[in-house]
């Protein structure tokens, strides 16, 4: 592909992502939901950092990974405030849409498909406006990283690197929200079965996965 077309596609992606990020920021910092999941999660994070005893003294329906992650971030100086959390949510929202669009462009070299995916992922993650600070942002970001690097490394035949990343990403998702982690584990298993070196296992893989 000509270098001019590549640069043009990158420029379009950057400009479109910047415009959507601005729109997302305006929505995030002008919305407050009456059920206040944001406050509940923020309070549980603060209580865990102050007292520990997750699932004992501190209630949560999520796994321990987000709490350990925020503990480390807070120790490094990250403030647990509404503003800081909304900026982090904005980063997750914008980067997920951009990474997804970039992956599609790398796979298809289609500017139209790239923009379609950018818009679709952005709209799909619109719910982040209602629940900033929610572990959903971490889940979406982890999934986007798995897809972006996974496609690249599988296309390059770097199976060991892909397997290590898939294992780590699946572990993060399992320790954040177990049902999402289960879907990630199933997807990883599907790839291993479909591309298994054993001929008989590879032939049976589509039937096994369909039954599953």
C-alpha atoms as a PDB file:
ATOM      1  CA  UNK A   1       0.000   0.000   0.000  1.00  0.00           C
ATOM      2  CA  UNK A   2       1.351   3.489  -0.862  1.00  0.00           C
ATOM      3  CA  UNK A   3       2.795   5.400   2.090  1.00  0.00           C
ATOM      4  CA  UNK A   4       0.556   8.381   1.274  1.00  0.00           C
ATOM      5  CA  UNK A   5      -2.588   6.288   1.704  1.00  0.00           C
ATOM      6  CA  UNK A   6      -1.306   4.878   5.004  1.00  0.00           C
ATOM      7  CA  UNK A   7      -0.571   8.355   6.341  1.00  0.00           C
ATOM      8  CA  UNK A   8      -3.982   9.582   5.209  1.00  0.00           C
ATOM      9  CA  UNK A   9      -5.737   6.695   6.952  1.00  0.00           C
ATOM     10  CA  UNK A  10      -3.811   7.346  10.150  1.00  0.00           C
ATOM     11  CA  UNK A  11      -4.650  11.052   9.974  1.00  0.00           C
ATOM     12  CA  UNK A  12      -8.358  10.286   9.512  1.00  0.00           C
ATOM     13  CA  UNK A  13      -8.275   7.856  12.464  1.00  0.00           C
ATOM     14  CA  UNK A  14      -6.543  10.382  14.722  1.00  0.00           C
ATOM     15  CA  UNK A  15      -8.941  13.196  13.816  1.00  0.00           C
ATOM     16  CA  UNK A  16     -12.049  11.017  14.138  1.00  0.00           C
ATOM     17  CA  UNK A  17     -10.832   9.594  17.466  1.00  0.00           C
ATOM     18  CA  UNK A  18     -10.076  13.086  18.769  1.00  0.00           C
ATOM     19  CA  UNK A  19     -13.569  14.279  17.829  1.00  0.00           C
ATOM     20  CA  UNK A  20     -15.223  11.295  19.522  1.00  0.00           C
ATOM     21  CA  UNK A  21     -13.012  11.699  22.603  1.00  0.00           C
ATOM     22  CA  UNK A  22     -14.099  15.323  22.899  1.00  0.00           C
ATOM     23  CA  UNK A  23     -17.755  14.285  22.618  1.00  0.00           C
ATOM     24  CA  UNK A  24     -17.231  11.524  25.183  1.00  0.00           C
ATOM     25  CA  UNK A  25     -15.582  13.946  27.589  1.00  0.00           C
ATOM     26  CA  UNK A  26     -18.446  16.430  27.309  1.00  0.00           C
ATOM     27  CA  UNK A  27     -20.935  13.645  28.066  1.00  0.00           C
ATOM     28  CA  UNK A  28     -18.924  12.127  30.912  1.00  0.00           C
ATOM     29  CA  UNK A  29     -18.470  15.411  32.746  1.00  0.00           C
ATOM     30  CA  UNK A  30     -22.081  16.524  32.380  1.00  0.00           C
ATOM     31  CA  UNK A  31     -23.939  13.360  33.435  1.00  0.00           C
ATOM     32  CA  UNK A  32     -24.785  11.988  36.865  1.00  0.00           C
ATOM     33  CA  UNK A  33     -27.048   8.974  37.339  1.00  0.00           C
ATOM     34  CA  UNK A  34     -29.435   8.906  40.300  1.00  0.00           C
ATOM     35  CA  UNK A  35     -28.583   5.271  41.147  1.00  0.00           C
ATOM     36  CA  UNK A  36     -24.918   6.293  41.575  1.00  0.00           C
ATOM     37  CA  UNK A  37     -22.995   3.103  40.768  1.00  0.00           C
ATOM     38  CA  UNK A  38     -20.045   5.449  40.371  1.00  0.00           C
ATOM     39  CA  UNK A  39     -20.190   6.452  44.028  1.00  0.00           C
ATOM     40  CA  UNK A  40     -20.680   2.876  45.202  1.00  0.00           C
ATOM     41  CA  UNK A  41     -17.611   1.578  43.334  1.00  0.00           C
ATOM     42  CA  UNK A  42     -15.511   4.579  44.343  1.00  0.00           C
ATOM     43  CA  UNK A  43     -16.491   4.112  47.990  1.00  0.00           C
ATOM     44  CA  UNK A  44     -15.640   0.410  47.917  1.00  0.00           C
ATOM     45  CA  UNK A  45     -12.230   1.192  46.378  1.00  0.00           C
ATOM     46  CA  UNK A  46     -11.498   3.772  49.076  1.00  0.00           C
ATOM     47  CA  UNK A  47     -12.595   1.419  51.843  1.00  0.00           C
ATOM     48  CA  UNK A  48     -10.435  -1.390  50.487  1.00  0.00           C
ATOM     49  CA  UNK A  49      -7.373   0.849  50.293  1.00  0.00           C
ATOM     50  CA  UNK A  50      -8.014   2.143  53.816  1.00  0.00           C
ATOM     51  CA  UNK A  51      -8.994  -1.103  55.552  1.00  0.00           C
ATOM     52  CA  UNK A  52      -8.439  -4.099  53.263  1.00  0.00           C
ATOM     53  CA  UNK A  53     -10.586  -7.190  53.999  1.00  0.00           C
ATOM     54  CA  UNK A  54     -12.272  -7.369  50.586  1.00  0.00           C
ATOM     55  CA  UNK A  55     -15.500  -9.431  50.716  1.00  0.00           C
ATOM     56  CA  UNK A  56     -15.336  -9.266  54.508  1.00  0.00           C
ATOM     57  CA  UNK A  57     -15.452  -5.665  55.668  1.00  0.00           C
ATOM     58  CA  UNK A  58     -15.712  -4.335  52.093  1.00  0.00           C
ATOM     59  CA  UNK A  59     -18.593  -5.521  49.893  1.00  0.00           C
ATOM     60  CA  UNK A  60     -18.139  -6.066  46.169  1.00  0.00           C
ATOM     61  CA  UNK A  61     -19.675  -8.286  43.506  1.00  0.00           C
ATOM     62  CA  UNK A  62     -16.529  -7.987  41.381  1.00  0.00           C
ATOM     63  CA  UNK A  63     -13.261  -9.893  41.485  1.00  0.00           C
ATOM     64  CA  UNK A  64     -10.162  -8.691  43.338  1.00  0.00           C
ATOM     65  CA  UNK A  65      -8.099  -7.533  40.361  1.00  0.00           C
ATOM     66  CA  UNK A  66      -9.576  -3.994  40.032  1.00  0.00           C
ATOM     67  CA  UNK A  67      -9.063  -3.417  43.765  1.00  0.00           C
ATOM     68  CA  UNK A  68      -5.438  -4.510  43.687  1.00  0.00           C
ATOM     69  CA  UNK A  69      -4.856  -2.434  40.548  1.00  0.00           C
ATOM     70  CA  UNK A  70      -6.317   0.709  42.115  1.00  0.00           C
ATOM     71  CA  UNK A  71      -4.364   0.043  45.309  1.00  0.00           C
ATOM     72  CA  UNK A  72      -1.144   0.141  43.270  1.00  0.00           C
ATOM     73  CA  UNK A  73      -2.259   3.215  41.281  1.00  0.00           C
ATOM     74  CA  UNK A  74      -3.193   5.035  44.486  1.00  0.00           C
ATOM     75  CA  UNK A  75       0.178   4.160  46.020  1.00  0.00           C
ATOM     76  CA  UNK A  76       1.776   5.773  42.947  1.00  0.00           C
ATOM     77  CA  UNK A  77      -0.226   8.974  43.504  1.00  0.00           C
ATOM     78  CA  UNK A  78      -3.444   8.403  41.538  1.00  0.00           C
ATOM     79  CA  UNK A  79      -6.301  10.163  43.382  1.00  0.00           C
ATOM     80  CA  UNK A  80      -9.561   8.285  43.941  1.00  0.00           C
ATOM     81  CA  UNK A  81     -11.905  11.122  43.019  1.00  0.00           C
ATOM     82  CA  UNK A  82     -14.855  11.515  40.655  1.00  0.00           C
ATOM     83  CA  UNK A  83     -12.810  13.673  38.282  1.00  0.00           C
ATOM     84  CA  UNK A  84      -9.829  11.306  38.148  1.00  0.00           C
ATOM     85  CA  UNK A  85     -12.053   8.281  37.626  1.00  0.00           C
ATOM     86  CA  UNK A  86     -13.942   9.975  34.809  1.00  0.00           C
ATOM     87  CA  UNK A  87     -10.692  10.824  33.053  1.00  0.00           C
ATOM     88  CA  UNK A  88      -9.657   7.172  33.372  1.00  0.00           C
ATOM     89  CA  UNK A  89     -13.019   6.077  31.972  1.00  0.00           C
ATOM     90  CA  UNK A  90     -12.588   8.536  29.099  1.00  0.00           C
ATOM     91  CA  UNK A  91      -9.185   7.001  28.326  1.00  0.00           C
ATOM     92  CA  UNK A  92     -10.635   3.474  28.337  1.00  0.00           C
ATOM     93  CA  UNK A  93     -13.604   4.443  26.166  1.00  0.00           C
ATOM     94  CA  UNK A  94     -11.567   6.315  23.578  1.00  0.00           C
ATOM     95  CA  UNK A  95      -8.686   3.838  23.398  1.00  0.00           C
ATOM     96  CA  UNK A  96     -11.032   0.844  22.996  1.00  0.00           C
ATOM     97  CA  UNK A  97     -12.731   2.423  19.985  1.00  0.00           C
ATOM     98  CA  UNK A  98      -9.416   3.528  18.455  1.00  0.00           C
ATOM     99  CA  UNK A  99      -7.670   0.175  18.963  1.00  0.00           C
ATOM    100  CA  UNK A 100     -10.622  -1.698  17.470  1.00  0.00           C
ATOM    101  CA  UNK A 101     -10.697   0.579  14.425  1.00  0.00           C
ATOM    102  CA  UNK A 102      -6.920   0.304  13.984  1.00  0.00           C
ATOM    103  CA  UNK A 103      -7.086  -3.507  14.097  1.00  0.00           C
ATOM    104  CA  UNK A 104      -9.783  -3.581  11.411  1.00  0.00           C
ATOM    105  CA  UNK A 105      -7.780  -1.216   9.226  1.00  0.00           C
ATOM    106  CA  UNK A 106      -4.655  -3.358   9.597  1.00  0.00           C
ATOM    107  CA  UNK A 107      -6.652  -6.448   8.619  1.00  0.00           C
ATOM    108  CA  UNK A 108      -8.642  -4.961   5.722  1.00  0.00           C
ATOM    109  CA  UNK A 109      -6.926  -1.712   4.683  1.00  0.00           C
ATOM    110  CA  UNK A 110     -10.441  -0.304   4.333  1.00  0.00           C
ATOM    111  CA  UNK A 111     -10.976   3.265   5.476  1.00  0.00           C
ATOM    112  CA  UNK A 112     -14.771   2.844   5.427  1.00  0.00           C
ATOM    113  CA  UNK A 113     -14.673  -0.259   7.634  1.00  0.00           C
ATOM    114  CA  UNK A 114     -12.236   1.423   9.990  1.00  0.00           C
ATOM    115  CA  UNK A 115     -14.558   4.386  10.517  1.00  0.00           C
ATOM    116  CA  UNK A 116     -17.593   2.102  10.824  1.00  0.00           C
ATOM    117  CA  UNK A 117     -15.915   0.087  13.596  1.00  0.00           C
ATOM    118  CA  UNK A 118     -14.710   3.249  15.341  1.00  0.00           C
ATOM    119  CA  UNK A 119     -18.271   4.585  15.445  1.00  0.00           C
ATOM    120  CA  UNK A 120     -19.827   1.223  16.367  1.00  0.00           C
ATOM    121  CA  UNK A 121     -17.511   0.570  19.325  1.00  0.00           C
ATOM    122  CA  UNK A 122     -17.865   4.149  20.519  1.00  0.00           C
ATOM    123  CA  UNK A 123     -21.664   3.885  20.506  1.00  0.00           C
ATOM    124  CA  UNK A 124     -21.633   0.414  22.063  1.00  0.00           C
ATOM    125  CA  UNK A 125     -19.562   1.706  25.007  1.00  0.00           C
ATOM    126  CA  UNK A 126     -21.890   4.674  25.495  1.00  0.00           C
ATOM    127  CA  UNK A 127     -23.024   3.069  28.762  1.00  0.00           C
ATOM    128  CA  UNK A 128     -19.736   4.242  30.305  1.00  0.00           C
ATOM    129  CA  UNK A 129     -21.348   7.656  30.629  1.00  0.00           C
ATOM    130  CA  UNK A 130     -23.742   6.186  33.184  1.00  0.00           C
ATOM    131  CA  UNK A 131     -21.155   4.267  35.206  1.00  0.00           C
ATOM    132  CA  UNK A 132     -17.718   5.883  35.310  1.00  0.00           C
ATOM    133  CA  UNK A 133     -15.282   4.103  37.644  1.00  0.00           C
ATOM    134  CA  UNK A 134     -17.103   0.843  36.913  1.00  0.00           C
ATOM    135  CA  UNK A 135     -14.894  -2.229  36.186  1.00  0.00           C
ATOM    136  CA  UNK A 136     -16.582  -2.357  32.772  1.00  0.00           C
ATOM    137  CA  UNK A 137     -13.972   0.112  31.533  1.00  0.00           C
ATOM    138  CA  UNK A 138     -11.136  -2.203  32.583  1.00  0.00           C
ATOM    139  CA  UNK A 139     -12.934  -5.165  30.998  1.00  0.00           C
ATOM    140  CA  UNK A 140     -13.411  -3.353  27.681  1.00  0.00           C
ATOM    141  CA  UNK A 141      -9.813  -2.119  27.628  1.00  0.00           C
ATOM    142  CA  UNK A 142      -8.398  -5.575  28.386  1.00  0.00           C
ATOM    143  CA  UNK A 143     -10.558  -7.107  25.665  1.00  0.00           C
ATOM    144  CA  UNK A 144      -9.442  -4.483  23.134  1.00  0.00           C
ATOM    145  CA  UNK A 145      -5.778  -5.192  23.933  1.00  0.00           C
ATOM    146  CA  UNK A 146      -6.361  -8.936  23.565  1.00  0.00           C
ATOM    147  CA  UNK A 147      -7.974  -8.380  20.162  1.00  0.00           C
ATOM    148  CA  UNK A 148      -5.412  -5.876  18.875  1.00  0.00           C
ATOM    149  CA  UNK A 149      -2.229  -7.698  19.872  1.00  0.00           C
ATOM    150  CA  UNK A 150      -3.832 -11.109  19.408  1.00  0.00           C
ATOM    151  CA  UNK A 151      -4.672 -10.472  15.752  1.00  0.00           C
ATOM    152  CA  UNK A 152      -1.192  -9.107  15.068  1.00  0.00           C
ATOM    153  CA  UNK A 153       0.731 -11.922  16.756  1.00  0.00           C
ATOM    154  CA  UNK A 154      -1.439 -14.667  15.274  1.00  0.00           C
ATOM    155  CA  UNK A 155      -0.999 -13.155  11.806  1.00  0.00           C
ATOM    156  CA  UNK A 156       2.774 -13.150  12.384  1.00  0.00           C
ATOM    157  CA  UNK A 157       2.752 -16.721  13.708  1.00  0.00           C
ATOM    158  CA  UNK A 158       3.968 -15.728  17.183  1.00  0.00           C
ATOM    159  CA  UNK A 159       1.964 -18.385  18.986  1.00  0.00           C
ATOM    160  CA  UNK A 160       3.975 -18.442  22.217  1.00  0.00           C
ATOM    161  CA  UNK A 161       3.701 -14.690  22.654  1.00  0.00           C
ATOM    162  CA  UNK A 162      -0.026 -14.828  21.854  1.00  0.00           C
ATOM    163  CA  UNK A 163      -0.604 -17.682  24.300  1.00  0.00           C
ATOM    164  CA  UNK A 164       1.166 -15.824  27.118  1.00  0.00           C
ATOM    165  CA  UNK A 165      -0.882 -12.688  26.493  1.00  0.00           C
ATOM    166  CA  UNK A 166      -4.142 -14.637  26.139  1.00  0.00           C
ATOM    167  CA  UNK A 167      -3.467 -16.394  29.431  1.00  0.00           C
ATOM    168  CA  UNK A 168      -2.663 -13.156  31.234  1.00  0.00           C
ATOM    169  CA  UNK A 169      -5.663 -11.327  29.757  1.00  0.00           C
ATOM    170  CA  UNK A 170      -8.018 -14.180  30.570  1.00  0.00           C
ATOM    171  CA  UNK A 171      -6.691 -14.240  34.120  1.00  0.00           C
ATOM    172  CA  UNK A 172      -7.329 -10.507  34.506  1.00  0.00           C
ATOM    173  CA  UNK A 173     -10.875 -10.891  33.208  1.00  0.00           C
ATOM    174  CA  UNK A 174     -11.588 -13.914  35.420  1.00  0.00           C
ATOM    175  CA  UNK A 175     -10.388 -11.941  38.453  1.00  0.00           C
ATOM    176  CA  UNK A 176     -12.497  -8.936  37.438  1.00  0.00           C
ATOM    177  CA  UNK A 177     -15.813 -10.488  36.365  1.00  0.00           C
ATOM    178  CA  UNK A 178     -15.861 -14.249  36.193  1.00  0.00           C
ATOM    179  CA  UNK A 179     -18.447 -14.674  33.429  1.00  0.00           C
ATOM    180  CA  UNK A 180     -16.499 -12.384  31.092  1.00  0.00           C
ATOM    181  CA  UNK A 181     -13.336 -14.317  31.936  1.00  0.00           C
ATOM    182  CA  UNK A 182     -15.130 -17.543  31.044  1.00  0.00           C
ATOM    183  CA  UNK A 183     -15.967 -16.167  27.584  1.00  0.00           C
ATOM    184  CA  UNK A 184     -12.322 -15.133  27.116  1.00  0.00           C
ATOM    185  CA  UNK A 185     -11.162 -18.600  28.189  1.00  0.00           C
ATOM    186  CA  UNK A 186     -13.572 -20.215  25.727  1.00  0.00           C
ATOM    187  CA  UNK A 187     -12.302 -17.972  22.910  1.00  0.00           C
ATOM    188  CA  UNK A 188      -8.691 -18.875  23.702  1.00  0.00           C
ATOM    189  CA  UNK A 189      -9.555 -22.580  23.777  1.00  0.00           C
ATOM    190  CA  UNK A 190     -11.356 -22.188  20.449  1.00  0.00           C
ATOM    191  CA  UNK A 191      -8.238 -20.768  18.802  1.00  0.00           C
ATOM    192  CA  UNK A 192      -6.070 -23.554  20.198  1.00  0.00           C
ATOM    193  CA  UNK A 193      -8.470 -26.227  18.944  1.00  0.00           C
ATOM    194  CA  UNK A 194      -9.028 -24.713  15.494  1.00  0.00           C
ATOM    195  CA  UNK A 195      -5.289 -24.395  14.871  1.00  0.00           C
ATOM    196  CA  UNK A 196      -4.119 -27.516  16.682  1.00  0.00           C
ATOM    197  CA  UNK A 197      -1.211 -29.385  15.115  1.00  0.00           C
ATOM    198  CA  UNK A 198      -2.948 -32.727  15.601  1.00  0.00           C
ATOM    199  CA  UNK A 199      -4.938 -33.309  12.389  1.00  0.00           C
ATOM    200  CA  UNK A 200      -7.780 -35.285  13.967  1.00  0.00           C
ATOM    201  CA  UNK A 201      -8.259 -32.742  16.751  1.00  0.00           C
ATOM    202  CA  UNK A 202      -8.304 -29.903  14.214  1.00  0.00           C
ATOM    203  CA  UNK A 203     -10.936 -31.683  12.109  1.00  0.00           C
ATOM    204  CA  UNK A 204     -13.170 -32.266  15.113  1.00  0.00           C
ATOM    205  CA  UNK A 205     -12.634 -28.773  16.559  1.00  0.00           C
ATOM    206  CA  UNK A 206     -15.588 -27.036  14.773  1.00  0.00           C
ATOM    207  CA  UNK A 207     -17.987 -29.743  15.991  1.00  0.00           C
ATOM    208  CA  UNK A 208     -16.634 -29.629  19.537  1.00  0.00           C
ATOM    209  CA  UNK A 209     -16.916 -25.848  19.652  1.00  0.00           C
ATOM    210  CA  UNK A 210     -20.394 -25.843  18.128  1.00  0.00           C
ATOM    211  CA  UNK A 211     -21.556 -28.302  20.791  1.00  0.00           C
ATOM    212  CA  UNK A 212     -19.956 -26.166  23.468  1.00  0.00           C
END
